[in-house]
Amino acid sequence: MPHCIAEPCIGNKCAACVAVCPVEAIHPTEEEEDFDSVEMLHIDRDKCIDCGLCVDECPVEAIFPEDELPEKWQKYLDRNAAYFLHS
């Protein structure tokens, strides 16, 4: 089950999760051109291997396995997916 980044990431974008992801599924990284222009990070569900390392690194508790994403943040499943369609 892939993971999803939700609302607590907005305005925070702590990139600690990027550093621990073994498959580089979290974007944009600080090195990518659009890092400053997006309000949150996103997880590519096609690359995520469900290791959970990012969950422990997130200081704002914004990352969830998709099947544990709180109901109030379900829209972030589509938002994460949409980022990768346009990048």
Protein backbone atom coordinates (compact mmCIF):
# COMPACT_ATOMS: atom_id res chain seq x y z
CA MET A 1 0.00 0.00 0.00
CA PRO A 2 1.62 3.27 -1.09
CA HIS A 3 1.79 6.25 1.22
CA CYS A 4 0.23 9.69 0.79
CA ILE A 5 1.25 13.15 1.99
CA ALA A 6 -1.65 15.18 3.38
CA GLU A 7 -2.55 18.68 4.57
CA PRO A 8 -0.07 19.05 7.47
CA CYS A 9 2.71 19.31 4.87
CA ILE A 10 1.25 22.49 3.38
CA GLY A 11 3.55 25.35 4.23
CA ASN A 12 6.07 23.08 5.93
CA LYS A 13 7.78 21.01 3.24
CA CYS A 14 10.34 19.53 5.60
CA ALA A 15 12.42 17.48 3.21
CA ALA A 16 13.60 14.95 5.82
CA CYS A 17 11.25 12.40 4.22
CA VAL A 18 12.94 12.90 0.85
CA ALA A 19 16.32 12.03 2.32
CA VAL A 20 15.19 8.67 3.73
CA CYS A 21 13.13 7.44 0.77
CA PRO A 22 15.12 4.56 -0.76
CA VAL A 23 13.31 4.77 -4.12
CA GLU A 24 13.14 8.56 -4.58
CA ALA A 25 9.34 8.58 -4.60
CA ILE A 26 8.90 11.95 -2.85
CA HIS A 27 8.97 15.15 -4.90
CA PRO A 28 9.81 17.86 -5.44
CA THR A 29 13.20 17.63 -3.82
CA GLU A 30 14.96 20.80 -2.72
CA GLU A 31 17.12 20.49 -5.83
CA GLU A 32 14.17 20.46 -8.22
CA GLU A 33 13.14 23.67 -9.93
CA ASP A 34 9.54 23.66 -8.64
CA PHE A 35 10.38 23.10 -4.95
CA ASP A 36 9.76 26.75 -4.01
CA SER A 37 6.61 27.10 -6.09
CA VAL A 38 4.61 24.15 -4.70
CA GLU A 39 3.03 24.29 -1.28
CA MET A 40 3.64 20.67 -0.29
CA LEU A 41 5.55 17.50 -1.15
CA HIS A 42 4.00 14.52 -2.94
CA ILE A 43 4.54 10.76 -3.05
CA ASP A 44 4.53 8.93 -6.36
CA ARG A 45 2.31 5.92 -5.64
CA ASP A 46 3.85 4.04 -8.58
CA LYS A 47 7.31 4.25 -7.01
CA CYS A 48 6.44 3.96 -3.29
CA ILE A 49 7.42 0.56 -1.88
CA ASP A 50 5.55 1.00 1.42
CA CYS A 51 8.69 0.92 3.57
CA GLY A 52 7.29 3.55 5.94
CA LEU A 53 10.62 5.30 6.53
CA CYS A 54 9.12 8.64 5.55
CA VAL A 55 6.38 8.38 8.17
CA ASP A 56 8.85 8.42 11.06
CA GLU A 57 10.83 11.31 9.55
CA CYS A 58 7.91 13.67 9.04
CA PRO A 59 7.90 16.21 11.90
CA VAL A 60 4.30 17.30 11.19
CA GLU A 61 2.82 13.80 10.84
CA ALA A 62 1.60 14.41 7.29
CA ILE A 63 2.37 11.00 5.79
CA PHE A 64 0.00 8.05 5.96
CA PRO A 65 -0.41 4.65 4.32
CA GLU A 66 -3.22 5.24 1.81
CA ASP A 67 -5.58 2.90 3.66
CA GLU A 68 -5.04 4.83 6.92
CA LEU A 69 -5.44 8.34 5.50
CA PRO A 70 -8.02 10.21 7.62
CA GLU A 71 -11.34 10.73 5.86
CA LYS A 72 -10.96 14.52 6.04
CA TRP A 73 -7.79 14.29 3.89
CA GLN A 74 -8.95 11.80 1.24
CA LYS A 75 -8.66 14.50 -1.42
CA TYR A 76 -4.88 14.32 -1.03
CA LEU A 77 -4.84 10.93 -2.76
CA ASP A 78 -5.86 12.68 -5.97
CA ARG A 79 -3.66 15.67 -5.25
CA ASN A 80 -0.55 13.50 -4.88
CA ALA A 81 -1.38 11.60 -8.08
CA ALA A 82 -2.11 14.80 -10.03
CA TYR A 83 1.31 16.24 -9.21
CA PHE A 84 2.99 13.41 -11.11
CA LEU A 85 0.66 13.74 -14.10
CA HIS A 86 1.78 17.35 -14.56
CA SER A 87 5.46 17.08 -13.74
